[in-house]
Amino acid sequence: MDFVTDTHSLVWFFTRDERLSQIALSAFRGTVKVGRIIVPAIVLAEIIYICQKGRISLSFIETPNRIENSACFEIAPLDLEILKIADNIGLDLEMHDKLIVATAIYFDMTLITKDEKITKAKVVDVVW
């Protein structure tokens, strides 16, 4: 199965953080054999930000290295199509969350996220 990941899910997967749910962990691990994980470009931008703030132990440069060294990860560019979808999302979300949701809509994939606002909105399928 294919998934889109949000920022916390990806960071927690790469750092083996116990806050990542077992279902989310299974989603990540399951793509190693079959499937892919789409990483929205905005997720990488957010990782730069939280790295610079010292909020995570993972360095920014480790993230694209891990992505590039794994056949199951793909980076989705932030392009006009994603922006158009984000513009039509009528939810009160922060911009980075709208762009992550828009990426999941664009690829028609389940989103790996703990975000309750996104989950309750039921705009995309969510796994956590």
N, C-alpha and C. Protein backbone atom coordinates (compact mmCIF):
# COMPACT_ATOMS: atom_id res chain seq x y z
N MET A 1 0.84 -1.18 0.00
CA MET A 1 0.00 0.00 0.00
C MET A 1 0.88 1.24 0.00
N ASP A 2 0.36 2.31 -0.55
CA ASP A 2 1.08 3.58 -0.63
C ASP A 2 0.53 4.57 0.39
N PHE A 3 1.40 5.42 0.91
CA PHE A 3 1.02 6.41 1.92
C PHE A 3 1.71 7.74 1.65
N VAL A 4 1.12 8.80 2.20
CA VAL A 4 1.78 10.10 2.33
C VAL A 4 2.06 10.26 3.81
N THR A 5 3.21 10.83 4.16
CA THR A 5 3.54 11.02 5.57
C THR A 5 3.54 12.50 5.94
N ASP A 6 3.16 12.77 7.18
CA ASP A 6 3.33 14.12 7.69
C ASP A 6 4.69 14.21 8.39
N THR A 7 5.00 15.35 8.92
CA THR A 7 6.33 15.61 9.46
C THR A 7 6.63 14.77 10.70
N HIS A 8 5.74 14.83 11.69
CA HIS A 8 6.02 14.10 12.93
C HIS A 8 6.14 12.61 12.67
N SER A 9 5.28 12.08 11.84
CA SER A 9 5.34 10.64 11.57
C SER A 9 6.68 10.25 10.97
N LEU A 10 7.15 11.02 10.01
CA LEU A 10 8.44 10.71 9.37
C LEU A 10 9.59 10.83 10.36
N VAL A 11 9.61 11.91 11.11
CA VAL A 11 10.68 12.11 12.10
C VAL A 11 10.66 11.00 13.14
N TRP A 12 9.48 10.68 13.63
CA TRP A 12 9.38 9.64 14.65
C TRP A 12 9.76 8.28 14.09
N PHE A 13 9.48 8.03 12.82
CA PHE A 13 9.90 6.77 12.21
C PHE A 13 11.42 6.72 12.11
N PHE A 14 12.02 7.79 11.61
CA PHE A 14 13.48 7.81 11.44
C PHE A 14 14.23 7.79 12.77
N THR A 15 13.64 8.33 13.82
CA THR A 15 14.32 8.38 15.12
C THR A 15 13.86 7.26 16.06
N ARG A 16 13.01 6.39 15.55
CA ARG A 16 12.48 5.27 16.33
C ARG A 16 11.82 5.73 17.63
N ASP A 17 11.11 6.82 17.51
CA ASP A 17 10.42 7.42 18.65
C ASP A 17 9.19 6.59 19.01
N GLU A 18 9.00 6.34 20.29
CA GLU A 18 7.89 5.52 20.76
C GLU A 18 6.54 6.20 20.58
N ARG A 19 6.52 7.49 20.26
CA ARG A 19 5.25 8.17 20.04
C ARG A 19 4.59 7.75 18.73
N LEU A 20 5.37 7.14 17.83
CA LEU A 20 4.81 6.63 16.58
C LEU A 20 3.96 5.41 16.92
N SER A 21 2.71 5.43 16.51
CA SER A 21 1.82 4.30 16.84
C SER A 21 2.28 3.04 16.13
N GLN A 22 1.85 1.92 16.65
CA GLN A 22 2.20 0.63 16.04
C GLN A 22 1.58 0.51 14.64
N ILE A 23 0.40 1.06 14.45
CA ILE A 23 -0.24 1.01 13.12
C ILE A 23 0.56 1.84 12.13
N ALA A 24 0.98 3.04 12.56
CA ALA A 24 1.80 3.89 11.68
C ALA A 24 3.14 3.22 11.38
N LEU A 25 3.74 2.62 12.39
CA LEU A 25 5.01 1.92 12.21
C LEU A 25 4.84 0.78 11.20
N SER A 26 3.75 0.05 11.31
CA SER A 26 3.47 -1.04 10.36
C SER A 26 3.28 -0.50 8.94
N ALA A 27 2.67 0.66 8.82
CA ALA A 27 2.48 1.27 7.50
C ALA A 27 3.84 1.59 6.87
N PHE A 28 4.73 2.20 7.65
CA PHE A 28 6.07 2.49 7.14
C PHE A 28 6.81 1.21 6.77
N ARG A 29 6.82 0.27 7.68
CA ARG A 29 7.57 -0.97 7.44
C ARG A 29 6.99 -1.79 6.29
N GLY A 30 5.68 -1.75 6.13
CA GLY A 30 5.04 -2.52 5.08
C GLY A 30 5.41 -2.07 3.68
N THR A 31 5.78 -0.81 3.54
CA THR A 31 6.13 -0.31 2.21
C THR A 31 7.52 -0.76 1.76
N VAL A 32 8.31 -1.27 2.69
CA VAL A 32 9.64 -1.74 2.32
C VAL A 32 9.53 -2.89 1.32
N LYS A 33 8.53 -3.74 1.50
CA LYS A 33 8.33 -4.87 0.59
C LYS A 33 7.50 -4.48 -0.62
N VAL A 34 6.40 -3.79 -0.37
CA VAL A 34 5.49 -3.38 -1.44
C VAL A 34 4.93 -2.01 -1.10
N GLY A 35 5.06 -1.07 -2.01
CA GLY A 35 4.46 0.25 -1.80
C GLY A 35 5.49 1.35 -1.71
N ARG A 36 4.98 2.52 -1.39
CA ARG A 36 5.86 3.69 -1.29
C ARG A 36 5.29 4.68 -0.29
N ILE A 37 6.19 5.50 0.21
CA ILE A 37 5.84 6.59 1.11
C ILE A 37 6.17 7.88 0.39
N ILE A 38 5.16 8.71 0.19
CA ILE A 38 5.37 10.01 -0.43
C ILE A 38 5.66 11.01 0.68
N VAL A 39 6.75 11.74 0.51
CA VAL A 39 7.15 12.78 1.47
C VAL A 39 6.94 14.13 0.79
N PRO A 40 5.91 14.88 1.22
CA PRO A 40 5.69 16.20 0.63
C PRO A 40 6.90 17.11 0.89
N ALA A 41 7.24 17.92 -0.08
CA ALA A 41 8.39 18.84 0.06
C ALA A 41 8.24 19.72 1.30
N ILE A 42 7.01 20.11 1.62
CA ILE A 42 6.79 20.95 2.79
C ILE A 42 7.21 20.24 4.08
N VAL A 43 7.15 18.92 4.10
CA VAL A 43 7.62 18.16 5.26
C VAL A 43 9.11 18.38 5.46
N LEU A 44 9.86 18.37 4.37
CA LEU A 44 11.31 18.62 4.47
C LEU A 44 11.58 20.04 4.94
N ALA A 45 10.78 21.00 4.45
CA ALA A 45 10.94 22.39 4.90
C ALA A 45 10.66 22.51 6.40
N GLU A 46 9.64 21.81 6.85
CA GLU A 46 9.32 21.84 8.27
C GLU A 46 10.41 21.18 9.10
N ILE A 47 11.03 20.14 8.56
CA ILE A 47 12.13 19.49 9.27
C ILE A 47 13.32 20.45 9.40
N ILE A 48 13.60 21.21 8.37
CA ILE A 48 14.65 22.24 8.48
C ILE A 48 14.35 23.16 9.66
N TYR A 49 13.12 23.62 9.73
CA TYR A 49 12.70 24.55 10.77
C TYR A 49 12.86 23.94 12.17
N ILE A 50 12.33 22.73 12.36
CA ILE A 50 12.40 22.16 13.71
C ILE A 50 13.81 21.71 14.08
N CYS A 51 14.63 21.40 13.08
CA CYS A 51 16.05 21.11 13.36
C CYS A 51 16.76 22.37 13.85
N GLN A 52 16.51 23.48 13.16
CA GLN A 52 17.16 24.73 13.54
C GLN A 52 16.72 25.22 14.91
N LYS A 53 15.52 24.85 15.31
CA LYS A 53 15.02 25.22 16.63
C LYS A 53 15.50 24.24 17.71
N GLY A 54 16.19 23.18 17.29
CA GLY A 54 16.71 22.20 18.23
C GLY A 54 15.65 21.30 18.83
N ARG A 55 14.55 21.12 18.14
CA ARG A 55 13.44 20.33 18.67
C ARG A 55 13.56 18.83 18.41
N ILE A 56 14.47 18.45 17.49
CA ILE A 56 14.63 17.02 17.19
C ILE A 56 16.12 16.69 17.10
N SER A 57 16.41 15.42 17.33
CA SER A 57 17.81 14.98 17.28
C SER A 57 18.25 14.67 15.85
N LEU A 58 17.32 14.42 14.98
CA LEU A 58 17.61 14.13 13.58
C LEU A 58 18.08 15.41 12.88
N SER A 59 19.19 15.34 12.15
CA SER A 59 19.62 16.52 11.41
C SER A 59 18.88 16.58 10.08
N PHE A 60 18.78 17.77 9.53
CA PHE A 60 18.07 17.88 8.26
C PHE A 60 18.73 17.01 7.19
N ILE A 61 20.04 17.07 7.06
CA ILE A 61 20.73 16.36 5.98
C ILE A 61 20.55 14.84 6.07
N GLU A 62 20.36 14.33 7.29
CA GLU A 62 20.09 12.89 7.45
C GLU A 62 18.79 12.49 6.77
N THR A 63 17.81 13.39 6.79
CA THR A 63 16.48 13.06 6.27
C THR A 63 16.51 12.77 4.78
N PRO A 64 16.99 13.69 3.92
CA PRO A 64 17.02 13.33 2.50
C PRO A 64 17.96 12.17 2.20
N ASN A 65 19.03 12.02 2.99
CA ASN A 65 19.92 10.87 2.80
C ASN A 65 19.17 9.56 3.03
N ARG A 66 18.40 9.49 4.09
CA ARG A 66 17.62 8.28 4.36
C ARG A 66 16.57 8.05 3.29
N ILE A 67 15.95 9.12 2.84
CA ILE A 67 14.93 9.02 1.79
C ILE A 67 15.55 8.49 0.50
N GLU A 68 16.68 9.06 0.13
CA GLU A 68 17.35 8.66 -1.11
C GLU A 68 17.91 7.25 -1.05
N ASN A 69 18.23 6.77 0.14
CA ASN A 69 18.79 5.43 0.30
C ASN A 69 17.73 4.35 0.47
N SER A 70 16.49 4.71 0.35
CA SER A 70 15.40 3.74 0.49
C SER A 70 14.52 3.78 -0.76
N ALA A 71 14.29 2.63 -1.33
CA ALA A 71 13.49 2.54 -2.55
C ALA A 71 12.02 2.88 -2.32
N CYS A 72 11.56 2.83 -1.08
CA CYS A 72 10.13 3.04 -0.83
C CYS A 72 9.75 4.51 -0.62
N PHE A 73 10.72 5.40 -0.44
CA PHE A 73 10.41 6.81 -0.22
C PHE A 73 10.55 7.61 -1.50
N GLU A 74 9.63 8.58 -1.67
CA GLU A 74 9.66 9.50 -2.81
C GLU A 74 9.34 10.89 -2.30
N ILE A 75 10.04 11.89 -2.78
CA ILE A 75 9.74 13.27 -2.40
C ILE A 75 8.78 13.85 -3.45
N ALA A 76 7.67 14.39 -2.97
CA ALA A 76 6.70 15.04 -3.86
C ALA A 76 6.98 16.53 -3.87
N PRO A 77 7.21 17.09 -5.04
CA PRO A 77 7.48 18.53 -5.11
C PRO A 77 6.24 19.35 -4.76
N LEU A 78 6.46 20.54 -4.29
CA LEU A 78 5.37 21.48 -4.06
C LEU A 78 5.15 22.21 -5.38
N ASP A 79 4.11 21.81 -6.09
CA ASP A 79 3.87 22.40 -7.41
C ASP A 79 2.50 23.06 -7.46
N LEU A 80 2.17 23.60 -8.62
CA LEU A 80 0.93 24.34 -8.78
C LEU A 80 -0.30 23.48 -8.53
N GLU A 81 -0.27 22.23 -8.94
CA GLU A 81 -1.43 21.34 -8.73
C GLU A 81 -1.70 21.14 -7.24
N ILE A 82 -0.65 20.94 -6.47
CA ILE A 82 -0.81 20.77 -5.02
C ILE A 82 -1.35 22.06 -4.41
N LEU A 83 -0.84 23.19 -4.86
CA LEU A 83 -1.30 24.48 -4.34
C LEU A 83 -2.77 24.73 -4.67
N LYS A 84 -3.20 24.35 -5.85
CA LYS A 84 -4.61 24.51 -6.23
C LYS A 84 -5.51 23.66 -5.34
N ILE A 85 -5.09 22.45 -5.06
CA ILE A 85 -5.87 21.59 -4.18
C ILE A 85 -5.91 22.19 -2.78
N ALA A 86 -4.77 22.66 -2.29
CA ALA A 86 -4.71 23.27 -0.95
C ALA A 86 -5.63 24.48 -0.86
N ASP A 87 -5.70 25.25 -1.92
CA ASP A 87 -6.56 26.43 -1.95
C ASP A 87 -8.03 26.06 -1.80
N ASN A 88 -8.40 24.88 -2.22
CA ASN A 88 -9.80 24.45 -2.15
C ASN A 88 -10.14 23.66 -0.90
N ILE A 89 -9.18 23.46 -0.02
CA ILE A 89 -9.45 22.76 1.23
C ILE A 89 -10.06 23.76 2.21
N GLY A 90 -11.30 23.54 2.55
CA GLY A 90 -12.02 24.48 3.39
C GLY A 90 -11.90 24.22 4.87
N LEU A 91 -10.78 23.76 5.30
CA LEU A 91 -10.56 23.48 6.72
C LEU A 91 -9.67 24.55 7.34
N ASP A 92 -9.84 24.77 8.63
CA ASP A 92 -9.00 25.70 9.36
C ASP A 92 -7.73 24.97 9.81
N LEU A 93 -6.79 24.86 8.86
CA LEU A 93 -5.51 24.20 9.14
C LEU A 93 -4.38 25.17 8.90
N GLU A 94 -3.26 24.92 9.56
CA GLU A 94 -2.06 25.69 9.25
C GLU A 94 -1.63 25.35 7.83
N MET A 95 -0.93 26.26 7.18
CA MET A 95 -0.59 26.09 5.77
C MET A 95 0.16 24.79 5.50
N HIS A 96 1.14 24.45 6.33
CA HIS A 96 1.90 23.22 6.07
C HIS A 96 0.99 21.99 6.14
N ASP A 97 0.02 22.01 7.05
CA ASP A 97 -0.91 20.88 7.14
C ASP A 97 -1.81 20.82 5.91
N LYS A 98 -2.26 21.97 5.42
CA LYS A 98 -3.07 21.99 4.20
C LYS A 98 -2.29 21.42 3.02
N LEU A 99 -1.02 21.75 2.94
CA LEU A 99 -0.20 21.26 1.83
C LEU A 99 0.05 19.76 1.93
N ILE A 100 0.18 19.26 3.14
CA ILE A 100 0.35 17.82 3.34
C ILE A 100 -0.94 17.10 2.96
N VAL A 101 -2.07 17.60 3.41
CA VAL A 101 -3.37 17.02 3.05
C VAL A 101 -3.58 17.10 1.54
N ALA A 102 -3.25 18.23 0.94
CA ALA A 102 -3.40 18.39 -0.51
C ALA A 102 -2.56 17.37 -1.26
N THR A 103 -1.38 17.06 -0.75
CA THR A 103 -0.53 16.05 -1.38
C THR A 103 -1.19 14.68 -1.31
N ALA A 104 -1.78 14.35 -0.17
CA ALA A 104 -2.49 13.07 -0.03
C ALA A 104 -3.68 13.02 -0.98
N ILE A 105 -4.39 14.12 -1.13
CA ILE A 105 -5.52 14.17 -2.07
C ILE A 105 -5.01 14.00 -3.49
N TYR A 106 -3.97 14.72 -3.83
CA TYR A 106 -3.41 14.66 -5.19
C TYR A 106 -3.02 13.23 -5.59
N PHE A 107 -2.35 12.55 -4.69
CA PHE A 107 -1.90 11.18 -4.97
C PHE A 107 -2.96 10.13 -4.65
N ASP A 108 -4.09 10.57 -4.06
CA ASP A 108 -5.17 9.67 -3.66
C ASP A 108 -4.62 8.55 -2.77
N MET A 109 -3.92 8.98 -1.71
CA MET A 109 -3.28 8.05 -0.78
C MET A 109 -3.70 8.34 0.65
N THR A 110 -3.55 7.34 1.47
CA THR A 110 -3.80 7.46 2.90
C THR A 110 -2.67 8.25 3.53
N LEU A 111 -3.02 9.11 4.47
CA LEU A 111 -2.05 9.95 5.17
C LEU A 111 -1.70 9.35 6.52
N ILE A 112 -0.40 9.25 6.79
CA ILE A 112 0.06 8.80 8.11
C ILE A 112 0.20 10.06 8.97
N THR A 113 -0.71 10.21 9.92
CA THR A 113 -0.69 11.39 10.78
C THR A 113 -1.41 11.13 12.09
N LYS A 114 -0.94 11.82 13.10
CA LYS A 114 -1.59 11.79 14.42
C LYS A 114 -2.52 12.99 14.57
N ASP A 115 -2.47 13.92 13.64
CA ASP A 115 -3.21 15.18 13.73
C ASP A 115 -4.72 14.92 13.83
N GLU A 116 -5.29 15.27 14.98
CA GLU A 116 -6.72 15.03 15.22
C GLU A 116 -7.62 15.89 14.35
N LYS A 117 -7.18 17.11 14.07
CA LYS A 117 -7.99 18.00 13.23
C LYS A 117 -8.15 17.42 11.82
N ILE A 118 -7.07 16.89 11.29
CA ILE A 118 -7.11 16.27 9.96
C ILE A 118 -7.94 15.00 10.01
N THR A 119 -7.73 14.20 11.03
CA THR A 119 -8.47 12.94 11.17
C THR A 119 -9.96 13.19 11.27
N LYS A 120 -10.37 14.13 12.12
CA LYS A 120 -11.79 14.43 12.32
C LYS A 120 -12.44 15.03 11.08
N ALA A 121 -11.68 15.74 10.26
CA ALA A 121 -12.22 16.39 9.07
C ALA A 121 -12.63 15.37 8.00
N LYS A 122 -11.99 14.21 8.01
CA LYS A 122 -12.29 13.13 7.07
C LYS A 122 -12.20 13.57 5.61
N VAL A 123 -11.22 14.42 5.32
CA VAL A 123 -10.98 14.86 3.95
C VAL A 123 -10.14 13.83 3.20
N VAL A 124 -9.29 13.13 3.95
CA VAL A 124 -8.46 12.06 3.40
C VAL A 124 -8.51 10.89 4.38
N ASP A 125 -8.20 9.70 3.87
CA ASP A 125 -8.08 8.55 4.76
C ASP A 125 -6.81 8.74 5.60
N VAL A 126 -6.91 8.37 6.84
CA VAL A 126 -5.80 8.55 7.78
C VAL A 126 -5.51 7.23 8.47
N VAL A 127 -4.23 6.99 8.70
CA VAL A 127 -3.82 5.86 9.50
C VAL A 127 -2.98 6.39 10.65
N TRP A 128 -3.27 5.89 11.84
CA TRP A 128 -2.46 6.20 13.01
C TRP A 128 -2.61 5.08 13.99
